[in-house]
Amino acid sequence: MDPEIAALAGTAGTTVVALMAGDAWRRTREGVVALWRRVHPERADSIDAELEATRTEVLAGRAAGDRQSEEELTAEWQGRMRRLLVGSPAVAEDLRRLLDEISPGGADSAAQIRMRATASGHGRVYQAGRDQHITEA
């Protein structure tokens, strides 16, 4: 698989799920449904329903403090986006434009993160491109 498609799908799935609980949700949903309507018009309504169902789960998970649920939903949407892009690579530019519109970092925000670390002896390195929660006994 093309690494650019994988990276774009990962960014798109993460962004879509992350924005479900915020003010940009309506525009995000409309944009994602429009992509599917362009490529698979017969599936657009079901994608819309799946987005709404996912949003309900994200909001419930956040209210309950269930981070794992949101991570699983993110992985599901990353997979959907990847399959959409693999089946219709021409939609990649439309997806990038949508991400630029809805996300502060845009489509390339994940590609801009570069991390490198070296630990020796008993040293530890903690790196994160986003939230990081460390619990040590």
N, C-alpha and C. Protein backbone atom coordinates (compact mmCIF):
# COMPACT_ATOMS: atom_id res chain seq x y z
N MET A 1 0.84 -1.18 0.00
CA MET A 1 0.00 0.00 0.00
C MET A 1 0.89 1.25 0.00
N ASP A 2 0.42 2.25 -0.68
CA ASP A 2 1.11 3.53 -0.76
C ASP A 2 1.19 4.16 0.63
N PRO A 3 2.40 4.49 1.11
CA PRO A 3 2.53 5.08 2.45
C PRO A 3 1.80 6.41 2.59
N GLU A 4 1.69 7.17 1.51
CA GLU A 4 0.97 8.44 1.58
C GLU A 4 -0.52 8.22 1.82
N ILE A 5 -1.06 7.21 1.17
CA ILE A 5 -2.48 6.88 1.38
C ILE A 5 -2.69 6.43 2.82
N ALA A 6 -1.79 5.60 3.33
CA ALA A 6 -1.92 5.14 4.71
C ALA A 6 -1.84 6.31 5.69
N ALA A 7 -0.90 7.23 5.45
CA ALA A 7 -0.77 8.39 6.34
C ALA A 7 -1.99 9.29 6.26
N LEU A 8 -2.48 9.53 5.06
CA LEU A 8 -3.66 10.38 4.89
C LEU A 8 -4.89 9.74 5.54
N ALA A 9 -5.05 8.44 5.36
CA ALA A 9 -6.18 7.73 5.98
C ALA A 9 -6.08 7.80 7.50
N GLY A 10 -4.88 7.64 8.02
CA GLY A 10 -4.69 7.72 9.47
C GLY A 10 -5.04 9.10 10.01
N THR A 11 -4.55 10.12 9.33
CA THR A 11 -4.85 11.49 9.74
C THR A 11 -6.34 11.77 9.63
N ALA A 12 -6.96 11.33 8.55
CA ALA A 12 -8.39 11.58 8.34
C ALA A 12 -9.24 10.90 9.40
N GLY A 13 -8.97 9.62 9.66
CA GLY A 13 -9.74 8.91 10.67
C GLY A 13 -9.60 9.53 12.05
N THR A 14 -8.39 9.90 12.40
CA THR A 14 -8.14 10.53 13.69
C THR A 14 -8.85 11.87 13.79
N THR A 15 -8.75 12.67 12.73
CA THR A 15 -9.35 14.00 12.72
C THR A 15 -10.86 13.92 12.81
N VAL A 16 -11.46 13.05 12.02
CA VAL A 16 -12.92 12.92 12.01
C VAL A 16 -13.43 12.57 13.40
N VAL A 17 -12.83 11.58 14.03
CA VAL A 17 -13.30 11.16 15.36
C VAL A 17 -13.01 12.25 16.39
N ALA A 18 -11.87 12.88 16.32
CA ALA A 18 -11.52 13.94 17.28
C ALA A 18 -12.49 15.12 17.20
N LEU A 19 -12.96 15.43 16.01
CA LEU A 19 -13.85 16.59 15.83
C LEU A 19 -15.32 16.27 16.10
N MET A 20 -15.64 15.03 16.38
CA MET A 20 -17.03 14.65 16.61
C MET A 20 -17.65 15.35 17.81
N ALA A 21 -16.86 15.69 18.78
CA ALA A 21 -17.40 16.30 19.99
C ALA A 21 -17.28 17.82 19.99
N GLY A 22 -16.84 18.39 18.89
CA GLY A 22 -16.61 19.83 18.87
C GLY A 22 -17.51 20.61 17.93
N ASP A 23 -17.21 21.87 17.81
CA ASP A 23 -17.99 22.79 16.98
C ASP A 23 -17.90 22.50 15.49
N ALA A 24 -16.82 21.86 15.06
CA ALA A 24 -16.62 21.60 13.63
C ALA A 24 -17.32 20.32 13.17
N TRP A 25 -18.09 19.70 14.07
CA TRP A 25 -18.67 18.41 13.75
C TRP A 25 -19.57 18.46 12.53
N ARG A 26 -20.46 19.43 12.43
CA ARG A 26 -21.42 19.47 11.32
C ARG A 26 -20.70 19.55 9.98
N ARG A 27 -19.72 20.43 9.88
CA ARG A 27 -18.96 20.58 8.63
C ARG A 27 -18.16 19.31 8.33
N THR A 28 -17.62 18.70 9.35
CA THR A 28 -16.87 17.46 9.18
C THR A 28 -17.76 16.37 8.61
N ARG A 29 -18.92 16.17 9.23
CA ARG A 29 -19.86 15.15 8.77
C ARG A 29 -20.29 15.41 7.32
N GLU A 30 -20.65 16.64 7.02
CA GLU A 30 -21.08 16.98 5.66
C GLU A 30 -19.98 16.69 4.65
N GLY A 31 -18.74 17.03 4.99
CA GLY A 31 -17.62 16.80 4.08
C GLY A 31 -17.33 15.34 3.84
N VAL A 32 -17.37 14.54 4.91
CA VAL A 32 -17.11 13.10 4.78
C VAL A 32 -18.21 12.43 3.96
N VAL A 33 -19.44 12.79 4.25
CA VAL A 33 -20.56 12.21 3.49
C VAL A 33 -20.46 12.61 2.02
N ALA A 34 -20.07 13.84 1.74
CA ALA A 34 -19.92 14.29 0.35
C ALA A 34 -18.85 13.47 -0.38
N LEU A 35 -17.77 13.11 0.30
CA LEU A 35 -16.74 12.27 -0.33
C LEU A 35 -17.32 10.92 -0.72
N TRP A 36 -18.05 10.30 0.21
CA TRP A 36 -18.65 9.01 -0.10
C TRP A 36 -19.70 9.13 -1.19
N ARG A 37 -20.46 10.21 -1.17
CA ARG A 37 -21.50 10.40 -2.18
C ARG A 37 -20.86 10.48 -3.57
N ARG A 38 -19.68 11.07 -3.63
CA ARG A 38 -18.97 11.18 -4.91
C ARG A 38 -18.48 9.82 -5.41
N VAL A 39 -17.97 9.01 -4.50
CA VAL A 39 -17.35 7.74 -4.88
C VAL A 39 -18.33 6.58 -4.84
N HIS A 40 -19.12 6.51 -3.79
CA HIS A 40 -20.09 5.42 -3.58
C HIS A 40 -21.44 6.03 -3.18
N PRO A 41 -22.15 6.62 -4.12
CA PRO A 41 -23.40 7.31 -3.76
C PRO A 41 -24.42 6.40 -3.05
N GLU A 42 -24.37 5.13 -3.35
CA GLU A 42 -25.30 4.19 -2.72
C GLU A 42 -25.01 3.98 -1.23
N ARG A 43 -23.82 4.36 -0.78
CA ARG A 43 -23.43 4.16 0.62
C ARG A 43 -23.44 5.44 1.44
N ALA A 44 -23.67 6.57 0.79
CA ALA A 44 -23.56 7.86 1.48
C ALA A 44 -24.49 7.96 2.69
N ASP A 45 -25.73 7.52 2.54
CA ASP A 45 -26.67 7.61 3.67
C ASP A 45 -26.26 6.71 4.83
N SER A 46 -25.73 5.53 4.51
CA SER A 46 -25.30 4.65 5.60
C SER A 46 -24.04 5.20 6.28
N ILE A 47 -23.17 5.83 5.53
CA ILE A 47 -21.98 6.46 6.13
C ILE A 47 -22.42 7.59 7.06
N ASP A 48 -23.41 8.36 6.63
CA ASP A 48 -23.93 9.43 7.46
C ASP A 48 -24.45 8.86 8.79
N ALA A 49 -25.21 7.78 8.71
CA ALA A 49 -25.74 7.14 9.92
C ALA A 49 -24.62 6.58 10.79
N GLU A 50 -23.58 6.00 10.17
CA GLU A 50 -22.45 5.47 10.92
C GLU A 50 -21.68 6.58 11.62
N LEU A 51 -21.54 7.72 10.96
CA LEU A 51 -20.88 8.87 11.59
C LEU A 51 -21.66 9.32 12.82
N GLU A 52 -22.96 9.42 12.70
CA GLU A 52 -23.79 9.84 13.83
C GLU A 52 -23.72 8.82 14.98
N ALA A 53 -23.74 7.54 14.64
CA ALA A 53 -23.64 6.50 15.67
C ALA A 53 -22.27 6.57 16.36
N THR A 54 -21.24 6.79 15.59
CA THR A 54 -19.89 6.91 16.16
C THR A 54 -19.82 8.12 17.08
N ARG A 55 -20.41 9.22 16.65
CA ARG A 55 -20.40 10.44 17.48
C ARG A 55 -21.08 10.17 18.82
N THR A 56 -22.20 9.48 18.80
CA THR A 56 -22.90 9.14 20.03
C THR A 56 -21.99 8.33 20.95
N GLU A 57 -21.27 7.37 20.37
CA GLU A 57 -20.35 6.54 21.15
C GLU A 57 -19.18 7.35 21.69
N VAL A 58 -18.65 8.27 20.88
CA VAL A 58 -17.54 9.12 21.33
C VAL A 58 -17.97 9.98 22.51
N LEU A 59 -19.12 10.62 22.38
CA LEU A 59 -19.61 11.48 23.46
C LEU A 59 -19.86 10.68 24.74
N ALA A 60 -20.44 9.50 24.60
CA ALA A 60 -20.67 8.65 25.77
C ALA A 60 -19.35 8.19 26.39
N GLY A 61 -18.41 7.82 25.54
CA GLY A 61 -17.11 7.38 26.03
C GLY A 61 -16.37 8.49 26.76
N ARG A 62 -16.42 9.69 26.21
CA ARG A 62 -15.76 10.82 26.88
C ARG A 62 -16.42 11.12 28.21
N ALA A 63 -17.73 11.06 28.25
CA ALA A 63 -18.45 11.32 29.50
C ALA A 63 -18.10 10.29 30.57
N ALA A 64 -17.84 9.06 30.14
CA ALA A 64 -17.51 7.99 31.08
C ALA A 64 -16.01 7.86 31.33
N GLY A 65 -15.21 8.67 30.63
CA GLY A 65 -13.76 8.57 30.78
C GLY A 65 -13.17 7.35 30.10
N ASP A 66 -13.85 6.84 29.09
CA ASP A 66 -13.43 5.63 28.38
C ASP A 66 -12.62 6.01 27.14
N ARG A 67 -11.32 6.15 27.29
CA ARG A 67 -10.44 6.53 26.18
C ARG A 67 -10.26 5.39 25.18
N GLN A 68 -10.30 4.16 25.64
CA GLN A 68 -10.10 3.03 24.75
C GLN A 68 -11.19 2.96 23.69
N SER A 69 -12.40 3.27 24.07
CA SER A 69 -13.51 3.26 23.11
C SER A 69 -13.23 4.23 21.96
N GLU A 70 -12.78 5.43 22.29
CA GLU A 70 -12.48 6.41 21.24
C GLU A 70 -11.31 5.95 20.37
N GLU A 71 -10.33 5.32 20.96
CA GLU A 71 -9.20 4.81 20.18
C GLU A 71 -9.67 3.73 19.20
N GLU A 72 -10.57 2.87 19.63
CA GLU A 72 -11.10 1.82 18.76
C GLU A 72 -11.92 2.42 17.62
N LEU A 73 -12.72 3.43 17.93
CA LEU A 73 -13.52 4.10 16.91
C LEU A 73 -12.63 4.83 15.90
N THR A 74 -11.55 5.40 16.40
CA THR A 74 -10.59 6.06 15.52
C THR A 74 -9.99 5.05 14.55
N ALA A 75 -9.60 3.89 15.05
CA ALA A 75 -9.03 2.85 14.19
C ALA A 75 -10.04 2.41 13.14
N GLU A 76 -11.31 2.31 13.52
CA GLU A 76 -12.35 1.92 12.55
C GLU A 76 -12.44 2.95 11.42
N TRP A 77 -12.43 4.23 11.77
CA TRP A 77 -12.56 5.27 10.74
C TRP A 77 -11.28 5.41 9.92
N GLN A 78 -10.14 5.12 10.51
CA GLN A 78 -8.91 5.09 9.73
C GLN A 78 -9.00 4.00 8.68
N GLY A 79 -9.52 2.85 9.04
CA GLY A 79 -9.70 1.75 8.08
C GLY A 79 -10.69 2.10 6.99
N ARG A 80 -11.79 2.73 7.35
CA ARG A 80 -12.77 3.13 6.32
C ARG A 80 -12.15 4.11 5.34
N MET A 81 -11.42 5.07 5.88
CA MET A 81 -10.78 6.07 5.01
C MET A 81 -9.73 5.41 4.11
N ARG A 82 -8.98 4.48 4.66
CA ARG A 82 -7.97 3.79 3.86
C ARG A 82 -8.62 3.03 2.72
N ARG A 83 -9.69 2.31 3.02
CA ARG A 83 -10.38 1.54 1.97
C ARG A 83 -10.97 2.47 0.91
N LEU A 84 -11.49 3.61 1.32
CA LEU A 84 -12.02 4.58 0.36
C LEU A 84 -10.91 5.06 -0.56
N LEU A 85 -9.75 5.40 0.02
CA LEU A 85 -8.63 5.91 -0.77
C LEU A 85 -8.01 4.85 -1.66
N VAL A 86 -7.91 3.63 -1.18
CA VAL A 86 -7.36 2.54 -2.00
C VAL A 86 -8.26 2.28 -3.20
N GLY A 87 -9.55 2.29 -2.97
CA GLY A 87 -10.50 2.04 -4.05
C GLY A 87 -10.65 3.21 -5.01
N SER A 88 -10.40 4.41 -4.53
CA SER A 88 -10.56 5.63 -5.35
C SER A 88 -9.47 6.64 -5.00
N PRO A 89 -8.24 6.42 -5.46
CA PRO A 89 -7.14 7.31 -5.10
C PRO A 89 -7.36 8.77 -5.51
N ALA A 90 -8.21 8.99 -6.51
CA ALA A 90 -8.46 10.36 -6.97
C ALA A 90 -9.14 11.22 -5.91
N VAL A 91 -9.77 10.59 -4.92
CA VAL A 91 -10.47 11.35 -3.88
C VAL A 91 -9.50 11.89 -2.83
N ALA A 92 -8.24 11.50 -2.89
CA ALA A 92 -7.24 11.93 -1.91
C ALA A 92 -7.12 13.46 -1.85
N GLU A 93 -7.10 14.10 -2.98
CA GLU A 93 -6.97 15.57 -2.98
C GLU A 93 -8.19 16.22 -2.34
N ASP A 94 -9.38 15.69 -2.61
CA ASP A 94 -10.60 16.21 -1.97
C ASP A 94 -10.54 16.02 -0.46
N LEU A 95 -10.03 14.88 -0.02
CA LEU A 95 -9.92 14.61 1.40
C LEU A 95 -8.91 15.57 2.04
N ARG A 96 -7.80 15.81 1.39
CA ARG A 96 -6.81 16.77 1.91
C ARG A 96 -7.43 18.16 2.06
N ARG A 97 -8.19 18.58 1.05
CA ARG A 97 -8.85 19.89 1.11
C ARG A 97 -9.82 19.96 2.29
N LEU A 98 -10.59 18.89 2.48
CA LEU A 98 -11.52 18.85 3.60
C LEU A 98 -10.78 18.95 4.92
N LEU A 99 -9.70 18.20 5.07
CA LEU A 99 -8.93 18.25 6.31
C LEU A 99 -8.34 19.63 6.54
N ASP A 100 -7.90 20.28 5.48
CA ASP A 100 -7.39 21.65 5.62
C ASP A 100 -8.47 22.61 6.11
N GLU A 101 -9.71 22.37 5.69
CA GLU A 101 -10.83 23.23 6.10
C GLU A 101 -11.24 23.00 7.54
N ILE A 102 -11.27 21.77 7.97
CA ILE A 102 -11.85 21.44 9.27
C ILE A 102 -10.85 21.33 10.40
N SER A 103 -9.59 21.11 10.09
CA SER A 103 -8.59 20.84 11.12
C SER A 103 -7.56 21.96 11.19
N PRO A 104 -7.24 22.42 12.39
CA PRO A 104 -6.23 23.47 12.51
C PRO A 104 -4.90 23.11 11.88
N GLY A 105 -4.51 21.83 11.97
CA GLY A 105 -3.24 21.41 11.40
C GLY A 105 -3.33 20.97 9.96
N GLY A 106 -4.54 20.76 9.45
CA GLY A 106 -4.72 20.35 8.07
C GLY A 106 -4.34 18.91 7.83
N ALA A 107 -4.31 18.55 6.56
CA ALA A 107 -4.06 17.16 6.16
C ALA A 107 -2.64 16.71 6.45
N ASP A 108 -1.71 17.63 6.49
CA ASP A 108 -0.31 17.25 6.64
C ASP A 108 0.21 17.40 8.07
N SER A 109 -0.69 17.64 9.02
CA SER A 109 -0.23 17.89 10.39
C SER A 109 0.53 16.70 10.96
N ALA A 110 0.09 15.48 10.69
CA ALA A 110 0.79 14.31 11.21
C ALA A 110 2.14 14.14 10.55
N ALA A 111 2.26 14.51 9.29
CA ALA A 111 3.52 14.36 8.57
C ALA A 111 4.57 15.34 9.07
N GLN A 112 4.19 16.40 9.77
CA GLN A 112 5.13 17.40 10.23
C GLN A 112 5.78 17.04 11.56
N ILE A 113 5.30 16.01 12.21
CA ILE A 113 5.86 15.61 13.49
C ILE A 113 7.04 14.69 13.25
N ARG A 114 8.19 15.09 13.75
CA ARG A 114 9.39 14.27 13.65
C ARG A 114 9.96 14.13 15.05
N MET A 115 10.12 12.91 15.49
CA MET A 115 10.66 12.68 16.83
C MET A 115 11.84 11.74 16.75
N ARG A 116 12.78 12.01 17.62
CA ARG A 116 13.96 11.16 17.70
C ARG A 116 14.47 11.21 19.13
N ALA A 117 14.78 10.09 19.67
CA ALA A 117 15.25 10.06 21.05
C ALA A 117 16.21 8.91 21.26
N THR A 118 17.08 9.11 22.21
CA THR A 118 18.01 8.06 22.59
C THR A 118 18.08 8.04 24.10
N ALA A 119 17.96 6.88 24.66
CA ALA A 119 18.10 6.73 26.11
C ALA A 119 19.21 5.74 26.38
N SER A 120 19.93 5.96 27.45
CA SER A 120 20.99 5.01 27.80
C SER A 120 20.93 4.76 29.30
N GLY A 121 21.55 3.71 29.68
CA GLY A 121 21.54 3.36 31.10
C GLY A 121 20.12 3.12 31.58
N HIS A 122 19.75 3.83 32.62
CA HIS A 122 18.40 3.69 33.17
C HIS A 122 17.49 4.82 32.70
N GLY A 123 17.94 5.54 31.68
CA GLY A 123 17.16 6.67 31.18
C GLY A 123 15.87 6.25 30.51
N ARG A 124 14.93 7.15 30.49
CA ARG A 124 13.63 6.92 29.87
C ARG A 124 13.33 8.06 28.92
N VAL A 125 12.62 7.73 27.88
CA VAL A 125 12.20 8.74 26.91
C VAL A 125 10.69 8.63 26.76
N TYR A 126 10.01 9.75 26.86
CA TYR A 126 8.56 9.79 26.64
C TYR A 126 8.30 10.79 25.52
N GLN A 127 7.68 10.34 24.47
CA GLN A 127 7.37 11.21 23.34
C GLN A 127 5.92 11.03 22.95
N ALA A 128 5.33 12.11 22.47
CA ALA A 128 3.94 12.03 22.02
C ALA A 128 3.70 13.09 20.97
N GLY A 129 2.93 12.72 19.97
CA GLY A 129 2.53 13.69 18.96
C GLY A 129 1.22 14.35 19.34
N ARG A 130 0.66 13.89 20.42
CA ARG A 130 -0.61 14.43 20.93
C ARG A 130 -0.67 14.20 22.41
N ASP A 131 -1.80 13.86 22.97
CA ASP A 131 -1.93 13.65 24.41
C ASP A 131 -1.04 12.51 24.86
N GLN A 132 -0.54 12.66 26.07
CA GLN A 132 0.27 11.60 26.64
C GLN A 132 -0.10 11.45 28.11
N HIS A 133 -0.36 10.22 28.52
CA HIS A 133 -0.72 9.93 29.90
C HIS A 133 0.21 8.83 30.38
N ILE A 134 0.96 9.12 31.43
CA ILE A 134 1.94 8.16 31.94
C ILE A 134 1.55 7.81 33.37
N THR A 135 1.44 6.53 33.61
CA THR A 135 1.14 6.06 34.96
C THR A 135 2.21 5.05 35.33
N GLU A 136 2.95 5.35 36.35
CA GLU A 136 4.00 4.44 36.79
C GLU A 136 3.77 4.06 38.23
N ALA A 137 4.08 2.81 38.52
CA ALA A 137 3.90 2.33 39.90
C ALA A 137 5.09 2.66 40.73
